[in-house]
């Protein structure tokens, strides 16, 4: 779908009063909540409510980092006050939250959350920037040229200028421009409210095999894998879940070793045959080695299964000393306590 066609369809959609009212409702409710003068009254529940797509109407999956971000509310309030302080240059504010070559000021508070907050407080000035935006801009040829190693602030300032120009040229709001990327990109569809609720329920600790990937990502910091590996992210936004390895397929989880920088391909068996999952992991490892590995960092594979799989063990024994693939068994625990 080209940009002009997506623009026309988005405008038609916004002619529907429901969509217009949704935009006004989000800006009024959360723009007020995040106003710098009101941030001292911000609650953990209020912040997390904004992260739900059923409330923000636009941004899916950002609720997953809610518990992590709100662990220290005083620190979060300070971060938001800095972000929204229009008396300071935008670059200075973003460099504080996203220092170049250093961890973000608050783990989990990445571009996919920060830029929507800027948008709802200053809807005529700042656009949202996330993986979907990036893919959309690339697809229609509007992505600005960025120097290698550019800081997040440098990237966002250029991208925001493009988003504002598109809004002006097409007589659209920045909210409407954000809706266009849904139409243009493939593979990035917002979950239904039922799916989002399901994700919240899964995070309580009980998951079924079809939802294992989502459960792992939502609870990554509390798993054995999370202690050693970090899911691939860009400017604080997780991009390693269902990573699109063009030409090779979709990797369940792409991560990196926190200490060695080694790449890690994680595949969930999910009812597939042993031969199929081994073949997938090898294919994905080959793609990562060709497209991602630099300076001999290397790549390894991990297969996660529900039950011990003798066939996988035989296959891995044949690969010994050639490539590194290990496999983990997961357990689902459920208990009832009489009250």
Protein backbone atom coordinates (compact mmCIF):
# COMPACT_ATOMS: atom_id res chain seq x y z
CA UNK A 1 0.00 0.00 0.00
CA UNK A 2 1.46 3.40 -0.97
CA UNK A 3 1.42 6.49 1.22
CA UNK A 4 -1.26 8.39 -0.71
CA UNK A 5 -3.69 5.48 -0.66
CA UNK A 6 -3.10 4.97 3.07
CA UNK A 7 -3.64 8.71 3.63
CA UNK A 8 -6.98 8.69 1.83
CA UNK A 9 -8.21 5.65 3.77
CA UNK A 10 -7.08 7.14 7.08
CA UNK A 11 -8.90 10.42 6.35
CA UNK A 12 -12.07 8.49 5.53
CA UNK A 13 -11.76 6.60 8.78
CA UNK A 14 -11.33 9.84 10.73
CA UNK A 15 -14.45 11.29 9.16
CA UNK A 16 -16.20 8.82 11.41
CA UNK A 17 -16.98 10.74 14.60
CA UNK A 18 -15.93 7.77 16.76
CA UNK A 19 -12.29 8.02 15.64
CA UNK A 20 -12.25 11.80 16.05
CA UNK A 21 -13.72 11.51 19.51
CA UNK A 22 -11.17 8.85 20.45
CA UNK A 23 -8.33 11.20 19.55
CA UNK A 24 -9.83 14.07 21.55
CA UNK A 25 -10.52 11.78 24.50
CA UNK A 26 -6.92 10.50 24.64
CA UNK A 27 -5.42 13.99 24.35
CA UNK A 28 -7.77 15.45 26.92
CA UNK A 29 -7.36 12.68 29.50
CA UNK A 30 -3.68 11.84 29.23
CA UNK A 31 -2.48 15.21 27.99
CA UNK A 32 -3.86 16.60 31.24
CA UNK A 33 -2.46 13.77 33.37
CA UNK A 34 1.05 14.26 31.96
CA UNK A 35 1.04 18.06 32.10
CA UNK A 36 4.25 19.11 33.93
CA UNK A 37 2.23 20.88 36.64
CA UNK A 38 0.28 17.68 37.34
CA UNK A 39 3.15 15.18 37.43
CA UNK A 40 3.54 15.31 41.21
CA UNK A 41 0.08 13.72 41.36
CA UNK A 42 0.89 10.95 38.87
CA UNK A 43 0.13 7.49 40.23
CA UNK A 44 1.47 4.11 39.22
CA UNK A 45 -2.03 3.02 38.19
CA UNK A 46 -2.59 6.17 36.12
CA UNK A 47 0.67 5.77 34.23
CA UNK A 48 0.05 2.09 33.54
CA UNK A 49 -3.47 2.85 32.32
CA UNK A 50 -1.98 4.98 29.53
CA UNK A 51 0.09 2.00 28.35
CA UNK A 52 -3.01 -0.05 27.49
CA UNK A 53 -4.16 0.18 23.87
CA UNK A 54 -7.79 0.12 24.99
CA UNK A 55 -7.06 3.50 26.62
CA UNK A 56 -4.43 5.12 24.37
CA UNK A 57 -6.17 3.87 21.17
CA UNK A 58 -2.93 3.74 19.16
CA UNK A 59 0.05 1.99 20.71
CA UNK A 60 0.09 -1.75 21.25
CA UNK A 61 2.35 -3.80 23.49
CA UNK A 62 3.85 -0.90 25.44
CA UNK A 63 2.11 -2.07 28.63
CA UNK A 64 4.60 -4.93 28.95
CA UNK A 65 7.25 -2.78 30.62
CA UNK A 66 4.79 -1.08 32.99
CA UNK A 67 5.82 -2.85 36.19
CA UNK A 68 9.52 -2.30 35.48
CA UNK A 69 9.10 1.41 34.67
CA UNK A 70 6.99 2.20 37.73
CA UNK A 71 9.25 0.55 40.32
CA UNK A 72 10.57 3.98 41.34
CA UNK A 73 7.81 6.54 40.88
CA UNK A 74 9.91 9.49 42.07
CA UNK A 75 12.51 8.69 39.41
CA UNK A 76 9.78 8.29 36.79
CA UNK A 77 8.23 11.65 37.69
CA UNK A 78 11.64 13.29 37.41
CA UNK A 79 12.14 11.68 34.01
CA UNK A 80 8.76 12.92 32.75
CA UNK A 81 9.29 16.42 34.12
CA UNK A 82 12.57 16.57 32.23
CA UNK A 83 11.00 15.19 29.05
CA UNK A 84 8.11 17.65 29.04
CA UNK A 85 10.00 20.78 30.10
CA UNK A 86 9.61 22.99 27.03
CA UNK A 87 11.97 25.62 28.47
CA UNK A 88 14.85 23.29 27.55
CA UNK A 89 15.91 22.20 24.04
CA UNK A 90 14.44 18.85 22.99
CA UNK A 91 17.89 17.42 22.33
CA UNK A 92 18.99 18.16 25.88
CA UNK A 93 15.91 16.49 27.33
CA UNK A 94 16.22 13.38 25.18
CA UNK A 95 19.96 13.07 25.79
CA UNK A 96 19.17 12.95 29.51
CA UNK A 97 16.71 10.07 29.05
CA UNK A 98 18.65 8.33 26.26
CA UNK A 99 22.35 9.04 26.90
CA UNK A 100 24.48 7.96 23.95
CA UNK A 101 26.28 4.63 24.45
CA UNK A 102 24.88 4.34 27.98
CA UNK A 103 21.79 2.65 29.48
CA UNK A 104 18.57 4.64 29.36
CA UNK A 105 17.77 6.72 32.44
CA UNK A 106 14.88 4.34 33.24
CA UNK A 107 15.01 0.77 31.96
CA UNK A 108 11.90 0.04 29.90
CA UNK A 109 11.06 3.70 29.27
CA UNK A 110 11.93 3.64 25.59
CA UNK A 111 10.97 5.56 22.48
CA UNK A 112 7.67 3.67 22.05
CA UNK A 113 6.43 5.18 25.34
CA UNK A 114 8.29 8.49 25.53
CA UNK A 115 7.21 9.82 22.13
CA UNK A 116 3.47 9.04 22.58
CA UNK A 117 3.62 10.92 25.89
CA UNK A 118 5.16 13.89 24.06
CA UNK A 119 2.35 13.60 21.51
CA UNK A 120 -0.57 13.62 23.94
CA UNK A 121 0.83 16.61 25.86
CA UNK A 122 1.89 18.56 22.75
CA UNK A 123 -0.26 17.04 19.97
CA UNK A 124 0.58 19.72 17.41
CA UNK A 125 4.31 19.47 17.90
CA UNK A 126 5.54 15.92 18.43
CA UNK A 127 4.82 12.68 16.60
CA UNK A 128 5.09 9.09 17.84
CA UNK A 129 8.16 7.07 16.87
CA UNK A 130 8.41 3.31 17.22
CA UNK A 131 9.24 0.20 15.19
CA UNK A 132 6.08 0.59 13.14
CA UNK A 133 6.91 4.22 12.32
CA UNK A 134 10.42 3.24 11.27
CA UNK A 135 9.21 0.40 9.02
CA UNK A 136 6.55 2.65 7.47
CA UNK A 137 8.96 5.48 6.72
CA UNK A 138 11.40 3.04 5.10
CA UNK A 139 8.69 1.46 3.00
CA UNK A 140 7.51 4.74 1.48
CA UNK A 141 10.98 6.26 1.18
CA UNK A 142 10.52 9.06 3.72
CA UNK A 143 13.08 7.92 6.29
CA UNK A 144 15.62 10.72 6.83
CA UNK A 145 19.32 10.11 6.35
CA UNK A 146 21.00 9.48 9.68
CA UNK A 147 24.70 9.35 10.42
CA UNK A 148 26.10 6.05 11.64
CA UNK A 149 25.97 5.97 15.43
CA UNK A 150 23.53 8.88 15.68
CA UNK A 151 22.08 9.40 19.15
CA UNK A 152 18.38 8.88 19.78
CA UNK A 153 17.85 12.62 20.12
CA UNK A 154 19.40 13.24 16.69
CA UNK A 155 17.26 10.51 15.11
CA UNK A 156 14.02 11.63 16.69
CA UNK A 157 14.46 15.32 15.86
CA UNK A 158 14.90 14.47 12.17
CA UNK A 159 12.07 11.93 12.13
CA UNK A 160 9.73 14.29 13.97
CA UNK A 161 10.40 16.94 11.34
CA UNK A 162 9.34 14.46 8.64
CA UNK A 163 6.17 13.53 10.56
CA UNK A 164 5.24 17.20 11.01
CA UNK A 165 5.83 17.91 7.31
CA UNK A 166 3.60 14.98 6.34
CA UNK A 167 0.88 16.23 8.68
CA UNK A 168 1.00 19.76 7.21
CA UNK A 169 1.21 18.65 3.57
CA UNK A 170 -1.73 16.27 3.92
CA UNK A 171 -3.85 18.41 6.27
CA UNK A 172 -3.76 15.77 9.01
CA UNK A 173 -3.12 15.65 12.73
CA UNK A 174 -0.04 13.83 14.03
CA UNK A 175 -2.43 11.23 15.46
CA UNK A 176 -3.78 10.63 11.97
CA UNK A 177 -0.28 10.36 10.53
CA UNK A 178 0.47 7.75 13.19
CA UNK A 179 -2.54 5.74 12.00
CA UNK A 180 -1.11 5.60 8.47
CA UNK A 181 1.78 3.37 9.50
CA UNK A 182 -0.71 0.68 10.58
CA UNK A 183 -1.93 0.52 6.99
CA UNK A 184 1.44 0.67 5.28
CA UNK A 185 3.45 -1.83 7.30
CA UNK A 186 2.94 -5.56 7.13
CA UNK A 187 3.04 -7.79 10.16
CA UNK A 188 2.36 -5.05 12.73
CA UNK A 189 -1.29 -5.27 13.65
CA UNK A 190 -2.70 -3.94 16.92
CA UNK A 191 -3.96 -6.68 19.23
CA UNK A 192 -7.58 -6.79 20.18
CA UNK A 193 -8.57 -5.72 23.68
CA UNK A 194 -9.16 -9.40 24.45
CA UNK A 195 -5.55 -10.20 23.49
CA UNK A 196 -4.28 -7.38 25.67
CA UNK A 197 -6.32 -8.59 28.62
CA UNK A 198 -5.04 -12.10 27.95
CA UNK A 199 -1.48 -10.78 28.07
CA UNK A 200 -2.16 -9.14 31.44
CA UNK A 201 -3.52 -12.44 32.76
CA UNK A 202 -0.51 -14.34 31.47
CA UNK A 203 1.85 -12.04 33.34
CA UNK A 204 0.45 -13.36 36.62
CA UNK A 205 2.46 -16.53 36.12
CA UNK A 206 0.22 -19.03 34.35
CA UNK A 207 0.73 -19.52 30.63
CA UNK A 208 -0.17 -22.12 28.03
CA UNK A 209 2.13 -23.31 25.26
CA UNK A 210 0.61 -21.19 22.42
CA UNK A 211 1.29 -18.06 24.49
CA UNK A 212 4.75 -19.02 25.73
CA UNK A 213 6.64 -16.42 23.69
CA UNK A 214 4.49 -13.57 24.97
CA UNK A 215 4.74 -14.86 28.53
CA UNK A 216 8.55 -15.09 28.29
CA UNK A 217 8.91 -11.57 26.95
CA UNK A 218 6.51 -10.09 29.50
CA UNK A 219 8.40 -11.77 32.37
CA UNK A 220 11.89 -11.75 30.87
CA UNK A 221 13.68 -10.16 33.81
CA UNK A 222 12.39 -12.91 36.12
CA UNK A 223 13.57 -15.85 34.00
CA UNK A 224 16.91 -17.67 33.91
CA UNK A 225 17.38 -16.39 30.35
CA UNK A 226 16.74 -12.79 31.39
CA UNK A 227 19.59 -12.89 33.88
CA UNK A 228 22.10 -13.69 31.13
CA UNK A 229 20.60 -12.34 27.91
CA UNK A 230 18.87 -9.14 26.83
CA UNK A 231 16.21 -9.11 24.12
CA UNK A 232 17.30 -6.99 21.17
CA UNK A 233 16.04 -3.44 21.56
CA UNK A 234 16.36 -0.15 19.76
CA UNK A 235 16.22 3.09 21.75
CA UNK A 236 14.63 1.19 24.62
CA UNK A 237 11.92 -0.46 22.48
CA UNK A 238 11.97 -4.27 22.24
CA UNK A 239 12.42 -5.26 18.59
CA UNK A 240 13.76 -8.77 19.14
CA UNK A 241 10.34 -10.37 19.66
CA UNK A 242 9.12 -11.99 16.42
CA UNK A 243 12.15 -10.49 14.71
CA UNK A 244 11.78 -10.28 10.94
CA UNK A 245 14.85 -11.98 9.46
CA UNK A 246 14.10 -11.05 5.87
CA UNK A 247 14.54 -14.01 3.57
CA UNK A 248 14.87 -16.46 6.48
CA UNK A 249 11.62 -16.12 8.42
CA UNK A 250 10.51 -14.78 11.79
CA UNK A 251 12.69 -15.46 14.83
CA UNK A 252 10.67 -16.01 18.01
CA UNK A 253 13.15 -14.08 20.17
CA UNK A 254 16.46 -12.53 19.15
CA UNK A 255 18.71 -11.59 22.07
CA UNK A 256 22.30 -10.79 22.99
CA UNK A 257 24.54 -12.02 25.77
CA UNK A 258 24.91 -9.19 28.31
CA UNK A 259 28.59 -9.92 28.90
CA UNK A 260 29.99 -11.25 25.60
CA UNK A 261 27.68 -9.53 23.05
CA UNK A 262 27.12 -12.95 21.48
CA UNK A 263 23.89 -13.16 19.48
CA UNK A 264 21.25 -15.61 20.70
CA UNK A 265 18.46 -17.09 18.57
CA UNK A 266 15.65 -18.44 20.75
CA UNK A 267 13.01 -20.66 19.18
CA UNK A 268 9.98 -22.22 20.86
CA UNK A 269 9.06 -25.72 19.73
CA UNK A 270 5.31 -25.05 19.97
CA UNK A 271 4.21 -28.47 18.71
CA UNK A 272 6.56 -28.52 15.71
CA UNK A 273 8.53 -31.64 14.82
CA UNK A 274 12.04 -31.90 16.20
CA UNK A 275 13.56 -31.81 12.72
CA UNK A 276 11.59 -28.68 11.83
CA UNK A 277 12.64 -26.69 14.88
CA UNK A 278 16.32 -27.71 14.51
CA UNK A 279 16.23 -26.63 10.86
CA UNK A 280 14.63 -23.31 11.76
CA UNK A 281 17.20 -22.50 14.42
CA UNK A 282 20.10 -23.33 12.10
CA UNK A 283 18.58 -21.19 9.33
CA UNK A 284 18.06 -18.26 11.68
CA UNK A 285 21.56 -18.61 13.12
CA UNK A 286 22.96 -18.53 9.59
CA UNK A 287 20.99 -15.36 8.83
CA UNK A 288 22.18 -13.65 12.03
CA UNK A 289 25.78 -14.66 11.37
CA UNK A 290 25.61 -13.19 7.89
CA UNK A 291 23.65 -10.02 8.69
CA UNK A 292 24.31 -9.14 12.33
CA UNK A 293 27.55 -10.56 13.68
CA UNK A 294 30.47 -8.14 13.86
CA UNK A 295 34.01 -8.55 15.18
CA UNK A 296 33.63 -12.29 15.68
CA UNK A 297 31.04 -12.06 18.44
CA UNK A 298 29.39 -15.29 17.28
CA UNK A 299 25.86 -16.66 17.48
CA UNK A 300 24.25 -19.47 19.45
CA UNK A 301 20.82 -21.05 19.48
CA UNK A 302 18.37 -22.01 22.21
CA UNK A 303 15.35 -24.25 21.79
CA UNK A 304 12.65 -24.23 24.45
CA UNK A 305 10.50 -27.35 24.81
CA UNK A 306 7.71 -28.54 27.06
CA UNK A 307 9.01 -32.07 27.55
CA UNK A 308 12.40 -33.75 27.19
CA UNK A 309 12.91 -34.49 23.47
CA UNK A 310 15.27 -37.36 22.68
CA UNK A 311 15.28 -36.57 18.96
CA UNK A 312 16.51 -33.02 19.60
CA UNK A 313 19.21 -34.42 21.89
CA UNK A 314 20.45 -36.73 19.12
CA UNK A 315 20.52 -33.86 16.63
CA UNK A 316 22.41 -31.60 19.03
CA UNK A 317 24.98 -34.31 19.76
CA UNK A 318 25.79 -34.43 16.03
CA UNK A 319 26.28 -30.66 15.98
CA UNK A 320 28.64 -30.68 18.95
CA UNK A 321 31.79 -28.59 18.40
CA UNK A 322 30.30 -27.17 15.17
CA UNK A 323 27.56 -24.83 16.35
CA UNK A 324 26.24 -24.09 19.81
CA UNK A 325 22.59 -24.96 20.36
CA UNK A 326 21.18 -25.76 23.78
CA UNK A 327 17.65 -26.51 24.85
CA UNK A 328 15.59 -25.64 27.88
CA UNK A 329 12.51 -27.32 29.31
CA UNK A 330 9.82 -25.06 30.72
CA UNK A 331 7.39 -25.85 33.53
CA UNK A 332 3.96 -24.39 34.12
CA UNK A 333 2.99 -24.28 37.78
CA UNK A 334 -0.53 -23.84 39.06
CA UNK A 335 -1.81 -24.15 42.59
CA UNK A 336 -4.98 -23.52 44.59
CA UNK A 337 -4.99 -22.23 48.15
CA UNK A 338 -8.04 -22.54 50.37
CA UNK A 339 -9.09 -19.22 51.92
